[in-house]
N, C-alpha and C. Protein backbone atom coordinates (compact mmCIF):
# COMPACT_ATOMS: atom_id res chain seq x y z
N MET A 1 3.78 3.19 -6.63
CA MET A 1 2.91 3.87 -5.71
C MET A 1 3.09 3.20 -4.35
N LEU A 2 3.23 4.00 -3.34
CA LEU A 2 3.36 3.50 -1.97
C LEU A 2 2.21 4.02 -1.13
N PHE A 3 1.73 3.20 -0.22
CA PHE A 3 0.76 3.64 0.78
C PHE A 3 1.49 3.66 2.11
N LEU A 4 1.70 4.87 2.63
CA LEU A 4 2.51 5.07 3.81
C LEU A 4 1.70 5.61 4.98
N LYS A 5 2.19 5.32 6.18
CA LYS A 5 1.62 5.87 7.41
C LYS A 5 2.72 6.66 8.11
N ASP A 6 2.39 7.85 8.55
CA ASP A 6 3.34 8.70 9.27
C ASP A 6 3.45 8.19 10.70
N ILE A 7 4.62 7.68 11.07
CA ILE A 7 4.83 7.23 12.45
C ILE A 7 5.86 8.11 13.15
N SER A 8 6.03 9.32 12.65
CA SER A 8 6.97 10.27 13.26
C SER A 8 6.61 10.45 14.74
N GLY A 9 7.62 10.44 15.57
CA GLY A 9 7.39 10.63 17.00
C GLY A 9 7.03 9.36 17.74
N ASP A 10 6.92 8.23 17.03
CA ASP A 10 6.62 6.96 17.68
C ASP A 10 7.68 6.68 18.74
N GLU A 11 7.27 6.35 19.93
CA GLU A 11 8.19 6.17 21.07
C GLU A 11 9.23 5.08 20.83
N VAL A 12 8.91 4.07 20.04
CA VAL A 12 9.84 2.96 19.82
C VAL A 12 10.66 3.15 18.55
N HIS A 13 10.01 3.51 17.44
CA HIS A 13 10.68 3.50 16.15
C HIS A 13 11.16 4.86 15.65
N ALA A 14 10.57 5.94 16.12
CA ALA A 14 10.93 7.26 15.56
C ALA A 14 10.79 8.35 16.61
N LYS A 15 11.33 8.10 17.76
CA LYS A 15 11.14 9.03 18.88
C LYS A 15 11.51 10.47 18.54
N ASP A 16 12.63 10.70 17.93
CA ASP A 16 13.09 12.05 17.65
C ASP A 16 13.32 12.30 16.16
N ARG A 17 12.50 11.66 15.32
CA ARG A 17 12.70 11.83 13.88
C ARG A 17 11.40 11.65 13.11
N THR A 18 11.45 12.05 11.87
CA THR A 18 10.32 11.86 10.96
C THR A 18 10.49 10.50 10.29
N LEU A 19 9.44 9.70 10.28
CA LEU A 19 9.53 8.37 9.70
C LEU A 19 8.17 7.95 9.16
N TYR A 20 8.19 7.36 7.99
CA TYR A 20 6.98 6.82 7.37
C TYR A 20 7.18 5.33 7.18
N ARG A 21 6.12 4.57 7.42
CA ARG A 21 6.18 3.12 7.26
C ARG A 21 5.12 2.70 6.25
N ILE A 22 5.46 1.70 5.46
CA ILE A 22 4.48 1.16 4.52
C ILE A 22 3.33 0.57 5.34
N ILE A 23 2.08 0.74 4.88
CA ILE A 23 0.95 0.36 5.71
C ILE A 23 0.81 -1.14 5.90
N ASN A 24 1.26 -1.92 4.96
CA ASN A 24 1.25 -3.37 5.08
C ASN A 24 2.13 -3.94 3.98
N PRO A 25 2.42 -5.23 4.01
CA PRO A 25 3.30 -5.79 2.98
C PRO A 25 2.76 -5.64 1.56
N ALA A 26 1.47 -5.39 1.41
CA ALA A 26 0.87 -5.23 0.08
C ALA A 26 0.68 -3.77 -0.25
N GLY A 27 1.40 -2.89 0.39
CA GLY A 27 1.22 -1.46 0.18
C GLY A 27 2.10 -0.85 -0.89
N ARG A 28 2.77 -1.69 -1.70
CA ARG A 28 3.62 -1.19 -2.79
C ARG A 28 3.10 -1.73 -4.12
N TYR A 29 2.90 -0.83 -5.05
CA TYR A 29 2.40 -1.20 -6.37
C TYR A 29 3.26 -0.58 -7.46
N ASP A 30 3.52 -1.33 -8.53
CA ASP A 30 4.13 -0.79 -9.73
C ASP A 30 3.00 -0.48 -10.70
N LEU A 31 2.98 0.74 -11.21
CA LEU A 31 1.96 1.16 -12.17
C LEU A 31 2.64 1.40 -13.50
N GLU A 32 2.14 0.76 -14.55
CA GLU A 32 2.73 0.94 -15.87
C GLU A 32 1.67 0.73 -16.94
N SER A 33 1.41 1.77 -17.71
CA SER A 33 0.47 1.71 -18.84
C SER A 33 -0.89 1.16 -18.44
N GLY A 34 -1.39 1.57 -17.28
CA GLY A 34 -2.72 1.14 -16.85
C GLY A 34 -2.74 -0.20 -16.16
N SER A 35 -1.60 -0.88 -16.07
CA SER A 35 -1.52 -2.16 -15.37
C SER A 35 -0.94 -1.95 -13.98
N VAL A 36 -1.35 -2.81 -13.06
CA VAL A 36 -0.89 -2.72 -11.68
C VAL A 36 -0.23 -4.04 -11.31
N ALA A 37 0.97 -3.97 -10.75
CA ALA A 37 1.65 -5.16 -10.25
C ALA A 37 1.97 -4.91 -8.78
N ILE A 38 1.47 -5.77 -7.93
CA ILE A 38 1.71 -5.62 -6.50
C ILE A 38 3.09 -6.16 -6.16
N GLN A 39 3.76 -5.50 -5.25
CA GLN A 39 5.10 -5.90 -4.84
C GLN A 39 5.00 -6.58 -3.47
N ALA A 40 4.67 -7.86 -3.49
CA ALA A 40 4.56 -8.64 -2.25
C ALA A 40 4.86 -10.09 -2.58
N ASP A 41 5.19 -10.87 -1.56
CA ASP A 41 5.51 -12.27 -1.83
C ASP A 41 4.26 -13.07 -2.16
N SER A 42 4.44 -14.20 -2.80
CA SER A 42 3.31 -14.99 -3.29
C SER A 42 2.45 -15.53 -2.16
N GLU A 43 3.01 -15.78 -0.99
CA GLU A 43 2.22 -16.26 0.14
C GLU A 43 1.19 -15.23 0.55
N LEU A 44 1.59 -13.97 0.61
CA LEU A 44 0.67 -12.89 0.94
C LEU A 44 -0.39 -12.74 -0.13
N LEU A 45 0.00 -12.83 -1.39
CA LEU A 45 -0.94 -12.66 -2.49
C LEU A 45 -2.02 -13.73 -2.48
N GLY A 46 -1.73 -14.90 -1.94
CA GLY A 46 -2.73 -15.95 -1.85
C GLY A 46 -3.86 -15.63 -0.89
N MET A 47 -3.69 -14.61 -0.05
CA MET A 47 -4.68 -14.26 0.96
C MET A 47 -5.79 -13.35 0.43
N PHE A 48 -5.56 -12.68 -0.67
CA PHE A 48 -6.56 -11.78 -1.22
C PHE A 48 -6.32 -11.58 -2.71
N SER A 49 -7.28 -10.97 -3.38
CA SER A 49 -7.16 -10.72 -4.81
C SER A 49 -6.77 -9.26 -5.03
N PRO A 50 -5.52 -8.99 -5.32
CA PRO A 50 -5.10 -7.60 -5.52
C PRO A 50 -5.62 -7.07 -6.86
N PRO A 51 -5.77 -5.76 -6.98
CA PRO A 51 -6.19 -5.18 -8.25
C PRO A 51 -5.11 -5.39 -9.30
N THR A 52 -5.53 -5.52 -10.56
CA THR A 52 -4.56 -5.72 -11.64
C THR A 52 -4.58 -4.59 -12.65
N THR A 53 -5.53 -3.66 -12.50
CA THR A 53 -5.57 -2.49 -13.38
C THR A 53 -5.61 -1.24 -12.52
N LEU A 54 -5.21 -0.14 -13.11
CA LEU A 54 -5.24 1.13 -12.39
C LEU A 54 -6.67 1.47 -12.00
N GLU A 55 -7.62 1.20 -12.87
CA GLU A 55 -9.03 1.46 -12.57
C GLU A 55 -9.49 0.66 -11.35
N ALA A 56 -9.10 -0.60 -11.26
CA ALA A 56 -9.48 -1.43 -10.12
C ALA A 56 -8.81 -0.94 -8.83
N LEU A 57 -7.55 -0.51 -8.93
CA LEU A 57 -6.86 0.04 -7.75
C LEU A 57 -7.54 1.31 -7.28
N GLU A 58 -7.88 2.20 -8.20
CA GLU A 58 -8.57 3.44 -7.82
C GLU A 58 -9.92 3.13 -7.17
N ALA A 59 -10.64 2.16 -7.69
CA ALA A 59 -11.94 1.77 -7.10
C ALA A 59 -11.75 1.23 -5.69
N GLN A 60 -10.70 0.44 -5.50
CA GLN A 60 -10.42 -0.11 -4.17
C GLN A 60 -10.08 1.01 -3.17
N ILE A 61 -9.31 1.98 -3.62
CA ILE A 61 -8.97 3.12 -2.77
C ILE A 61 -10.24 3.91 -2.42
N GLU A 62 -11.09 4.16 -3.40
CA GLU A 62 -12.35 4.89 -3.16
C GLU A 62 -13.21 4.15 -2.15
N ARG A 63 -13.32 2.82 -2.29
CA ARG A 63 -14.13 2.03 -1.33
C ARG A 63 -13.57 2.13 0.06
N SER A 64 -12.24 2.06 0.19
CA SER A 64 -11.62 2.12 1.52
C SER A 64 -11.81 3.49 2.17
N LEU A 65 -11.96 4.52 1.34
CA LEU A 65 -12.19 5.87 1.87
C LEU A 65 -13.67 6.14 2.11
N GLY A 66 -14.51 5.18 1.75
CA GLY A 66 -15.94 5.33 1.97
C GLY A 66 -16.62 6.24 0.97
N ARG A 67 -16.06 6.34 -0.22
CA ARG A 67 -16.64 7.20 -1.25
C ARG A 67 -17.45 6.42 -2.24
C-alpha cells in the first residue's frame, strides 16, 4: 500500500507531466494476512510507533481523516 500525493504540474519536479510522490518515507506498507510491515529505515522507525496490524493501520488512517 502506498500513500501518494499528486504533484502533477509542480513547477520544479513535474512542470509538464503527471507525477505522484510518496507522502513521506513511512508512506509504504506491505500488507500480508492482516499483518503490516512498514518499508522505511530503522532510524525513521525509531521516531514513531508504526501500526503492525491492518486494523491498526485502518484506525490510524481514520484518525488522520478526522473520522
